[in-house]
Each structure stands twice: as C-alpha cells, then as structure tokens.
Amino acid sequence: MSLVRVENVSKEYLLGEQRVEALKNVTLSIEPGVFMSIAGPSGSGKSTLLNLIGCIDTPTSGRVIIDGEDVSDRTPDQLADLRARTIGFIFQTFNLLPVLSAAENVEYPLLQFPELSKAERIQRVIHYLGVVKLTKYAMHRPNQLSGGQRQRVAIARALATQPKIVLADEPTANLDHRTGDAILELMKDINRESGTTFIFSTHDKKVMSKADRLVRIEDGQVRLLGIRAPDAKWQLVDERRRREKRA
C-alpha cells in the first residue's frame, strides 16, 4: 500500500490578475521507506508538490491521500493535526528558535502532544539528539552551533514526533560541500535503520545521487520517474507515457 498518493492533482494560484498553473494533473505514488528526490528547475512546481504532500497547501483539483486518508478537503485545523503526527519537516534555513537550546528546540513540537509526559518528552529529546550525535551540545543555542550542527538539530526535531514521512526542502543548500555530504549520509542512515520515508525537494545532484527514487518535474508536470536498480543504475520511466499505456 502506498504511503502517499497524488491523484490527478492540479494547483492554481492567482498572481495579480493572472492565473498560474503550478501543477497540471500530477499523479504519483510513494511507497513506505523510500528515499525520494523531487527534482526540477526553479518554478517547475517541485516545492508546490512538496507543500501538498506536507499538507501545508491543498490542491485546486484532484486528491492527495496520506497514509490511507484523503486530505484534499480537510480544514486547516485537521491538516495541522495530521502534520504534527505524521509529517516531519527539515528546512534549508533550519528554522530553529534562537532563544531555545538545542534540546528545547527538539522538544518544542512535542508540546503539542498532551498524551506525552514531561519525562517522555525528555526521553525522546535525549534519544534523538543521540541519533544525530549532538548529545553534548544539548544546552547550546543555535548561534553557538555550526551550520551542520544546526541542521542536525533540525533533523532531530523532525524525528522527535516519530513521523512516517520527513519532508526536506533543499536541506543542503546552506551547507558547504563536506557538511552537506555528512548530513545526507546521516539522513540515509536514519532511513535505512528506521524505515522513515524521506522526500526531498532539490536541484542538488548530490541529493539526487543518494536517492532510490527520483521524480523529475518540469512545467508543473511529472516528466520522469526514476527507480534505482540493484546495480545502482537508474531505470527511468516516462511517467506520462506510463499513465497513458495503463489507461
């Protein structure tokens, strides 16, 4: 069963008096446990697709199904609850709260879960800071950490809610080459060990090279779907033709 299904989704925005079609009849299925890269040039629609999967936005037409639930017509409050419990986010600008320590930043999203006691929250914080190898930096504030360390805190925060999906928007864009590689390896290790689904929006070839699924978006449409074969080579499928043949 697919963890995410996007069915004939279109998304339109009004830019002044002009109507812009960011996505056009996109259909996509994402299995649990994949390490997927959504790639495309600026303005291609990849960030729009990521926002729809992340329940930050809703489609103009079509359906988005997350973990078996159609979220296309949910209210903002319903979407917020689903995001909190199902989806973790990693941003290129880290989005850490500067007045909080690393531990407090990781704990912050857990405050939305009334069923968790203070002791349970602390246990999760300790665990996930350990996962990203930042235990000794728990009391440091973001301005006392390097870019790579701040991104590790952001990863720990995303994982602390124990989501089924982690969405990352250009996660290496503000990192140097070496640090970016280390962050990608860390996320790949977490993906292998925990089975958490990672979905990236990127134009970085390094990120694409780590993925086992590749979705190429151009002009609001899925042009190519790549599946990494056991020999580490990509098997590319023209998504448009595949749908036409199946129809």
C-alpha atoms as a PDB file:
ATOM      1  CA  MET A   1       0.000   0.000   0.000  1.00  0.00           C
ATOM      2  CA  SER A   2       1.270   3.467  -0.888  1.00  0.00           C
ATOM      3  CA  LEU A   3       2.074   5.836   1.947  1.00  0.00           C
ATOM      4  CA  VAL A   4       1.371   8.848  -0.297  1.00  0.00           C
ATOM      5  CA  ARG A   5      -0.845   9.014  -3.380  1.00  0.00           C
ATOM      6  CA  VAL A   6      -1.270  12.106  -5.515  1.00  0.00           C
ATOM      7  CA  GLU A   7      -4.107  11.581  -7.982  1.00  0.00           C
ATOM      8  CA  ASN A   8      -4.692  13.907 -10.960  1.00  0.00           C
ATOM      9  CA  VAL A   9      -3.703  16.911  -8.886  1.00  0.00           C
ATOM     10  CA  SER A  10      -3.642  20.434 -10.259  1.00  0.00           C
ATOM     11  CA  LYS A  11      -2.793  23.575  -8.321  1.00  0.00           C
ATOM     12  CA  GLU A  12      -3.515  27.124  -9.456  1.00  0.00           C
ATOM     13  CA  TYR A  13      -2.519  30.437  -7.911  1.00  0.00           C
ATOM     14  CA  LEU A  14      -3.572  33.984  -8.626  1.00  0.00           C
ATOM     15  CA  LEU A  15      -0.600  36.252  -9.312  1.00  0.00           C
ATOM     16  CA  GLY A  16      -2.192  39.664  -9.514  1.00  0.00           C
ATOM     17  CA  GLU A  17      -4.903  39.162 -12.128  1.00  0.00           C
ATOM     18  CA  GLN A  18      -3.056  36.301 -13.815  1.00  0.00           C
ATOM     19  CA  ARG A  19      -3.859  32.677 -13.028  1.00  0.00           C
ATOM     20  CA  VAL A  20      -0.736  30.495 -12.733  1.00  0.00           C
ATOM     21  CA  GLU A  21      -0.993  26.711 -13.013  1.00  0.00           C
ATOM     22  CA  ALA A  22       1.796  25.407 -10.758  1.00  0.00           C
ATOM     23  CA  LEU A  23       0.865  21.720 -11.156  1.00  0.00           C
ATOM     24  CA  LYS A  24      -1.047  20.072 -14.005  1.00  0.00           C
ATOM     25  CA  ASN A  25      -2.772  16.695 -13.497  1.00  0.00           C
ATOM     26  CA  VAL A  26       0.061  15.169 -11.467  1.00  0.00           C
ATOM     27  CA  THR A  27      -0.267  11.527 -10.440  1.00  0.00           C
ATOM     28  CA  LEU A  28       2.335   9.951  -8.172  1.00  0.00           C
ATOM     29  CA  SER A  29       2.578   7.046  -5.737  1.00  0.00           C
ATOM     30  CA  ILE A  30       5.157   6.884  -2.926  1.00  0.00           C
ATOM     31  CA  GLU A  31       5.853   3.662  -1.027  1.00  0.00           C
ATOM     32  CA  PRO A  32       6.805   3.497   2.659  1.00  0.00           C
ATOM     33  CA  GLY A  33      10.524   3.642   3.436  1.00  0.00           C
ATOM     34  CA  VAL A  34      11.749   5.303   0.224  1.00  0.00           C
ATOM     35  CA  PHE A  35      14.474   7.958  -0.008  1.00  0.00           C
ATOM     36  CA  MET A  36      12.992  10.126  -2.745  1.00  0.00           C
ATOM     37  CA  SER A  37      14.198  13.225  -4.538  1.00  0.00           C
ATOM     38  CA  ILE A  38      11.768  15.573  -6.288  1.00  0.00           C
ATOM     39  CA  ALA A  39      13.950  17.494  -8.728  1.00  0.00           C
ATOM     40  CA  GLY A  40      13.412  20.300 -11.166  1.00  0.00           C
ATOM     41  CA  PRO A  41      14.419  23.855 -12.030  1.00  0.00           C
ATOM     42  CA  SER A  42      13.161  26.899 -10.147  1.00  0.00           C
ATOM     43  CA  GLY A  43       9.456  27.424 -10.852  1.00  0.00           C
ATOM     44  CA  SER A  44       8.921  23.834 -12.010  1.00  0.00           C
ATOM     45  CA  GLY A  45       6.355  23.042  -9.299  1.00  0.00           C
ATOM     46  CA  LYS A  46       8.509  20.843  -7.057  1.00  0.00           C
ATOM     47  CA  SER A  47       8.027  22.998  -3.951  1.00  0.00           C
ATOM     48  CA  THR A  48       4.283  23.152  -4.620  1.00  0.00           C
ATOM     49  CA  LEU A  49       4.178  19.358  -4.786  1.00  0.00           C
ATOM     50  CA  LEU A  50       6.157  19.103  -1.539  1.00  0.00           C
ATOM     51  CA  ASN A  51       3.740  21.528   0.151  1.00  0.00           C
ATOM     52  CA  LEU A  52       0.752  19.443  -0.958  1.00  0.00           C
ATOM     53  CA  ILE A  53       2.326  16.232   0.350  1.00  0.00           C
ATOM     54  CA  GLY A  54       3.156  18.084   3.577  1.00  0.00           C
ATOM     55  CA  CYS A  55      -0.460  19.256   3.989  1.00  0.00           C
ATOM     56  CA  ILE A  56       0.720  22.874   4.010  1.00  0.00           C
ATOM     57  CA  ASP A  57      -1.470  23.518   0.969  1.00  0.00           C
ATOM     58  CA  THR A  58      -4.470  21.875  -0.694  1.00  0.00           C
ATOM     59  CA  PRO A  59      -4.984  21.104  -4.410  1.00  0.00           C
ATOM     60  CA  THR A  60      -7.251  23.067  -6.722  1.00  0.00           C
ATOM     61  CA  SER A  61      -8.428  19.732  -8.128  1.00  0.00           C
ATOM     62  CA  GLY A  62      -7.546  16.067  -7.643  1.00  0.00           C
ATOM     63  CA  ARG A  63      -6.809  14.137  -4.451  1.00  0.00           C
ATOM     64  CA  VAL A  64      -3.902  13.825  -2.030  1.00  0.00           C
ATOM     65  CA  ILE A  65      -4.013  10.693   0.128  1.00  0.00           C
ATOM     66  CA  ILE A  66      -1.650  10.380   3.109  1.00  0.00           C
ATOM     67  CA  ASP A  67      -1.436   7.040   4.916  1.00  0.00           C
ATOM     68  CA  GLY A  68      -4.812   5.995   3.511  1.00  0.00           C
ATOM     69  CA  GLU A  69      -6.617   9.249   4.349  1.00  0.00           C
ATOM     70  CA  ASP A  70      -7.847  11.717   1.725  1.00  0.00           C
ATOM     71  CA  VAL A  71      -6.616  15.104   2.959  1.00  0.00           C
ATOM     72  CA  SER A  72      -7.716  17.166  -0.047  1.00  0.00           C
ATOM     73  CA  ASP A  73     -10.707  18.779   1.678  1.00  0.00           C
ATOM     74  CA  ARG A  74      -9.531  18.859   5.293  1.00  0.00           C
ATOM     75  CA  THR A  75      -9.890  22.003   7.381  1.00  0.00           C
ATOM     76  CA  PRO A  76      -6.740  23.912   8.409  1.00  0.00           C
ATOM     77  CA  ASP A  77      -7.044  22.553  11.976  1.00  0.00           C
ATOM     78  CA  GLN A  78      -7.390  18.974  10.719  1.00  0.00           C
ATOM     79  CA  LEU A  79      -4.365  19.428   8.451  1.00  0.00           C
ATOM     80  CA  ALA A  80      -2.346  20.884  11.340  1.00  0.00           C
ATOM     81  CA  ASP A  81      -3.072  17.839  13.497  1.00  0.00           C
ATOM     82  CA  LEU A  82      -2.139  15.463  10.668  1.00  0.00           C
ATOM     83  CA  ARG A  83       1.127  17.352  10.040  1.00  0.00           C
ATOM     84  CA  ALA A  84       2.022  17.248  13.726  1.00  0.00           C
ATOM     85  CA  ARG A  85       1.594  13.485  13.999  1.00  0.00           C
ATOM     86  CA  THR A  86       2.518  12.166  10.555  1.00  0.00           C
ATOM     87  CA  ILE A  87       4.997  14.538   8.891  1.00  0.00           C
ATOM     88  CA  GLY A  88       8.350  15.999   9.952  1.00  0.00           C
ATOM     89  CA  PHE A  89       9.920  18.989   8.196  1.00  0.00           C
ATOM     90  CA  ILE A  90      13.548  19.952   7.546  1.00  0.00           C
ATOM     91  CA  PHE A  91      14.187  23.393   6.050  1.00  0.00           C
ATOM     92  CA  GLN A  92      17.251  24.797   4.315  1.00  0.00           C
ATOM     93  CA  THR A  93      17.290  27.746   6.774  1.00  0.00           C
ATOM     94  CA  PHE A  94      16.982  25.361   9.771  1.00  0.00           C
ATOM     95  CA  ASN A  95      14.078  27.385  11.314  1.00  0.00           C
ATOM     96  CA  LEU A  96      15.340  26.893  14.878  1.00  0.00           C
ATOM     97  CA  LEU A  97      14.082  29.174  17.626  1.00  0.00           C
ATOM     98  CA  PRO A  98      17.129  31.282  18.581  1.00  0.00           C
ATOM     99  CA  VAL A  99      16.179  31.738  22.240  1.00  0.00           C
ATOM    100  CA  LEU A 100      15.886  27.982  22.853  1.00  0.00           C
ATOM    101  CA  SER A 101      18.660  25.454  23.379  1.00  0.00           C
ATOM    102  CA  ALA A 102      19.129  22.515  21.021  1.00  0.00           C
ATOM    103  CA  ALA A 103      17.245  20.277  23.466  1.00  0.00           C
ATOM    104  CA  GLU A 104      14.389  22.783  23.792  1.00  0.00           C
ATOM    105  CA  ASN A 105      14.128  23.126  20.005  1.00  0.00           C
ATOM    106  CA  VAL A 106      13.789  19.341  19.681  1.00  0.00           C
ATOM    107  CA  GLU A 107      11.211  19.250  22.470  1.00  0.00           C
ATOM    108  CA  TYR A 108       9.143  22.142  21.106  1.00  0.00           C
ATOM    109  CA  PRO A 109       6.909  20.185  18.651  1.00  0.00           C
ATOM    110  CA  LEU A 110       6.271  17.563  21.350  1.00  0.00           C
ATOM    111  CA  LEU A 111       4.452  20.165  23.444  1.00  0.00           C
ATOM    112  CA  GLN A 112       1.503  19.673  21.054  1.00  0.00           C
ATOM    113  CA  PHE A 113       1.082  16.104  22.329  1.00  0.00           C
ATOM    114  CA  PRO A 114      -0.824  16.202  25.645  1.00  0.00           C
ATOM    115  CA  GLU A 115      -0.507  12.437  25.986  1.00  0.00           C
ATOM    116  CA  LEU A 116       3.269  12.741  26.468  1.00  0.00           C
ATOM    117  CA  SER A 117       4.525  13.401  29.982  1.00  0.00           C
ATOM    118  CA  LYS A 118       7.492  15.673  30.659  1.00  0.00           C
ATOM    119  CA  ALA A 119       9.625  12.589  31.330  1.00  0.00           C
ATOM    120  CA  GLU A 120       8.583  11.028  27.999  1.00  0.00           C
ATOM    121  CA  ARG A 121       9.403  14.231  26.146  1.00  0.00           C
ATOM    122  CA  ILE A 122      12.848  14.403  27.755  1.00  0.00           C
ATOM    123  CA  GLN A 123      13.461  10.753  26.871  1.00  0.00           C
ATOM    124  CA  ARG A 124      12.689  11.444  23.206  1.00  0.00           C
ATOM    125  CA  VAL A 125      14.887  14.546  23.166  1.00  0.00           C
ATOM    126  CA  ILE A 126      17.834  12.626  24.612  1.00  0.00           C
ATOM    127  CA  HIS A 127      17.294   9.771  22.168  1.00  0.00           C
ATOM    128  CA  TYR A 128      17.090  11.871  19.003  1.00  0.00           C
ATOM    129  CA  LEU A 129      19.944  14.188  19.936  1.00  0.00           C
ATOM    130  CA  GLY A 130      21.920  10.955  20.334  1.00  0.00           C
ATOM    131  CA  VAL A 131      20.777   9.767  16.897  1.00  0.00           C
ATOM    132  CA  VAL A 132      22.239  12.916  15.315  1.00  0.00           C
ATOM    133  CA  LYS A 133      25.326  12.777  17.582  1.00  0.00           C
ATOM    134  CA  LEU A 134      24.709  16.069  19.373  1.00  0.00           C
ATOM    135  CA  THR A 135      24.165  14.910  22.955  1.00  0.00           C
ATOM    136  CA  LYS A 136      26.964  17.061  24.350  1.00  0.00           C
ATOM    137  CA  TYR A 137      25.549  20.147  22.600  1.00  0.00           C
ATOM    138  CA  ALA A 138      22.064  19.806  24.126  1.00  0.00           C
ATOM    139  CA  MET A 139      22.253  23.090  26.049  1.00  0.00           C
ATOM    140  CA  HIS A 140      23.810  25.116  23.220  1.00  0.00           C
ATOM    141  CA  ARG A 141      21.687  27.729  21.469  1.00  0.00           C
ATOM    142  CA  PRO A 142      21.632  27.877  17.639  1.00  0.00           C
ATOM    143  CA  ASN A 143      24.114  30.777  17.484  1.00  0.00           C
ATOM    144  CA  GLN A 144      26.625  28.590  19.326  1.00  0.00           C
ATOM    145  CA  LEU A 145      26.394  25.836  16.714  1.00  0.00           C
ATOM    146  CA  SER A 146      27.815  25.423  13.214  1.00  0.00           C
ATOM    147  CA  GLY A 147      25.535  25.178  10.163  1.00  0.00           C
ATOM    148  CA  GLY A 148      25.885  21.405  10.090  1.00  0.00           C
ATOM    149  CA  GLN A 149      25.106  21.131  13.804  1.00  0.00           C
ATOM    150  CA  ARG A 150      22.029  23.320  13.411  1.00  0.00           C
ATOM    151  CA  GLN A 151      20.800  21.107  10.580  1.00  0.00           C
ATOM    152  CA  ARG A 152      21.325  18.065  12.825  1.00  0.00           C
ATOM    153  CA  VAL A 153      19.173  19.715  15.490  1.00  0.00           C
ATOM    154  CA  ALA A 154      16.531  20.318  12.815  1.00  0.00           C
ATOM    155  CA  ILE A 155      16.682  16.628  11.851  1.00  0.00           C
ATOM    156  CA  ALA A 156      16.322  15.566  15.499  1.00  0.00           C
ATOM    157  CA  ARG A 157      13.335  17.909  15.854  1.00  0.00           C
ATOM    158  CA  ALA A 158      11.713  16.429  12.734  1.00  0.00           C
ATOM    159  CA  LEU A 159      12.222  12.886  14.026  1.00  0.00           C
ATOM    160  CA  ALA A 160      11.123  13.524  17.614  1.00  0.00           C
ATOM    161  CA  THR A 161       7.425  13.334  16.727  1.00  0.00           C
ATOM    162  CA  GLN A 162       8.158   9.892  15.204  1.00  0.00           C
ATOM    163  CA  PRO A 163       6.600  10.794  11.837  1.00  0.00           C
ATOM    164  CA  LYS A 164       6.042   8.369   8.991  1.00  0.00           C
ATOM    165  CA  ILE A 165       7.297  10.962   6.476  1.00  0.00           C
ATOM    166  CA  VAL A 166      10.104  13.519   6.657  1.00  0.00           C
ATOM    167  CA  LEU A 167       9.996  16.286   4.043  1.00  0.00           C
ATOM    168  CA  ALA A 168      13.182  18.238   3.337  1.00  0.00           C
ATOM    169  CA  ASP A 169      13.253  21.401   1.243  1.00  0.00           C
ATOM    170  CA  GLU A 170      16.770  21.908  -0.171  1.00  0.00           C
ATOM    171  CA  PRO A 171      18.347  20.566   3.067  1.00  0.00           C
ATOM    172  CA  THR A 172      21.962  21.070   1.932  1.00  0.00           C
ATOM    173  CA  ALA A 173      21.579  24.460   0.196  1.00  0.00           C
ATOM    174  CA  ASN A 174      23.110  26.480   3.054  1.00  0.00           C
ATOM    175  CA  LEU A 175      25.868  23.997   3.886  1.00  0.00           C
ATOM    176  CA  ASP A 176      29.364  23.580   2.500  1.00  0.00           C
ATOM    177  CA  HIS A 177      30.130  20.527   0.369  1.00  0.00           C
ATOM    178  CA  ARG A 178      31.651  18.386   3.118  1.00  0.00           C
ATOM    179  CA  THR A 179      28.982  19.219   5.696  1.00  0.00           C
ATOM    180  CA  GLY A 180      26.213  18.654   3.151  1.00  0.00           C
ATOM    181  CA  ASP A 181      27.576  15.204   2.334  1.00  0.00           C
ATOM    182  CA  ALA A 182      27.701  14.314   6.037  1.00  0.00           C
ATOM    183  CA  ILE A 183      24.093  15.445   6.551  1.00  0.00           C
ATOM    184  CA  LEU A 184      22.925  13.389   3.571  1.00  0.00           C
ATOM    185  CA  GLU A 185      24.731  10.301   4.880  1.00  0.00           C
ATOM    186  CA  LEU A 186      23.126  10.820   8.288  1.00  0.00           C
ATOM    187  CA  MET A 187      19.632  11.022   6.786  1.00  0.00           C
ATOM    188  CA  LYS A 188      20.298   7.989   4.603  1.00  0.00           C
ATOM    189  CA  ASP A 189      21.428   6.010   7.657  1.00  0.00           C
ATOM    190  CA  ILE A 190      18.261   7.015   9.532  1.00  0.00           C
ATOM    191  CA  ASN A 191      16.171   5.990   6.515  1.00  0.00           C
ATOM    192  CA  ARG A 192      17.829   2.546   6.387  1.00  0.00           C
ATOM    193  CA  GLU A 193      17.684   1.909  10.129  1.00  0.00           C
ATOM    194  CA  SER A 194      14.212   3.260  10.958  1.00  0.00           C
ATOM    195  CA  GLY A 195      12.364   2.879   7.648  1.00  0.00           C
ATOM    196  CA  THR A 196      11.236   6.510   7.820  1.00  0.00           C
ATOM    197  CA  THR A 197      10.241   7.842   4.394  1.00  0.00           C
ATOM    198  CA  PHE A 198      12.328  10.837   3.264  1.00  0.00           C
ATOM    199  CA  ILE A 199      11.156  13.094   0.438  1.00  0.00           C
ATOM    200  CA  PHE A 200      13.436  15.906  -0.765  1.00  0.00           C
ATOM    201  CA  SER A 201      12.781  18.908  -2.969  1.00  0.00           C
ATOM    202  CA  THR A 202      16.096  19.732  -4.632  1.00  0.00           C
ATOM    203  CA  HIS A 203      18.129  20.624  -7.677  1.00  0.00           C
ATOM    204  CA  ASP A 204      21.343  19.398  -5.995  1.00  0.00           C
ATOM    205  CA  LYS A 205      22.901  16.441  -7.846  1.00  0.00           C
ATOM    206  CA  LYS A 206      24.450  15.184  -4.587  1.00  0.00           C
ATOM    207  CA  VAL A 207      20.997  14.779  -3.081  1.00  0.00           C
ATOM    208  CA  MET A 208      19.725  13.048  -6.230  1.00  0.00           C
ATOM    209  CA  SER A 209      22.664  10.633  -6.170  1.00  0.00           C
ATOM    210  CA  LYS A 210      21.660   9.385  -2.703  1.00  0.00           C
ATOM    211  CA  ALA A 211      18.015   8.810  -3.617  1.00  0.00           C
ATOM    212  CA  ASP A 212      16.456   5.463  -4.503  1.00  0.00           C
ATOM    213  CA  ARG A 213      13.515   7.207  -6.202  1.00  0.00           C
ATOM    214  CA  LEU A 214      13.715  10.241  -8.467  1.00  0.00           C
ATOM    215  CA  VAL A 215      10.798  12.368  -9.660  1.00  0.00           C
ATOM    216  CA  ARG A 216      11.611  14.968 -12.297  1.00  0.00           C
ATOM    217  CA  ILE A 217       9.172  17.885 -12.569  1.00  0.00           C
ATOM    218  CA  GLU A 218       9.088  20.363 -15.439  1.00  0.00           C
ATOM    219  CA  ASP A 219       6.423  22.995 -16.126  1.00  0.00           C
ATOM    220  CA  GLY A 220       4.166  21.580 -13.415  1.00  0.00           C
ATOM    221  CA  GLN A 221       4.166  18.019 -14.769  1.00  0.00           C
ATOM    222  CA  VAL A 222       5.965  14.801 -13.843  1.00  0.00           C
ATOM    223  CA  ARG A 223       8.247  14.105 -16.800  1.00  0.00           C
ATOM    224  CA  LEU A 224      10.383  11.270 -15.462  1.00  0.00           C
ATOM    225  CA  LEU A 225      10.175   8.738 -12.682  1.00  0.00           C
ATOM    226  CA  GLY A 226      13.433   7.038 -11.777  1.00  0.00           C
ATOM    227  CA  ILE A 227      13.856   3.877  -9.723  1.00  0.00           C
ATOM    228  CA  ARG A 228      17.350   2.883  -8.662  1.00  0.00           C
ATOM    229  CA  ALA A 229      18.033  -0.722  -9.686  1.00  0.00           C
ATOM    230  CA  PRO A 230      20.130  -3.214  -7.649  1.00  0.00           C
ATOM    231  CA  ASP A 231      23.144  -2.410  -9.865  1.00  0.00           C
ATOM    232  CA  ALA A 232      22.858   1.243  -8.659  1.00  0.00           C
ATOM    233  CA  LYS A 233      21.815   2.443 -12.121  1.00  0.00           C
ATOM    234  CA  TRP A 234      18.638   4.444 -12.715  1.00  0.00           C
ATOM    235  CA  GLN A 235      15.721   2.863 -14.534  1.00  0.00           C
ATOM    236  CA  LEU A 236      13.885   5.856 -15.988  1.00  0.00           C
ATOM    237  CA  VAL A 237      10.241   5.715 -16.968  1.00  0.00           C
ATOM    238  CA  ASP A 238       8.335   8.396 -18.864  1.00  0.00           C
ATOM    239  CA  GLU A 239       5.562   8.916 -16.326  1.00  0.00           C
ATOM    240  CA  ARG A 240       3.208  10.474 -18.878  1.00  0.00           C
ATOM    241  CA  ARG A 241       3.515   7.545 -21.295  1.00  0.00           C
ATOM    242  CA  ARG A 242       3.254   5.027 -18.453  1.00  0.00           C
ATOM    243  CA  ARG A 243      -0.091   6.504 -17.394  1.00  0.00           C
ATOM    244  CA  GLU A 244      -1.375   6.629 -20.976  1.00  0.00           C
ATOM    245  CA  LYS A 245      -0.435   2.990 -21.528  1.00  0.00           C
ATOM    246  CA  ARG A 246      -2.143   1.920 -18.304  1.00  0.00           C
ATOM    247  CA  ALA A 247      -5.333   3.899 -19.040  1.00  0.00           C
END
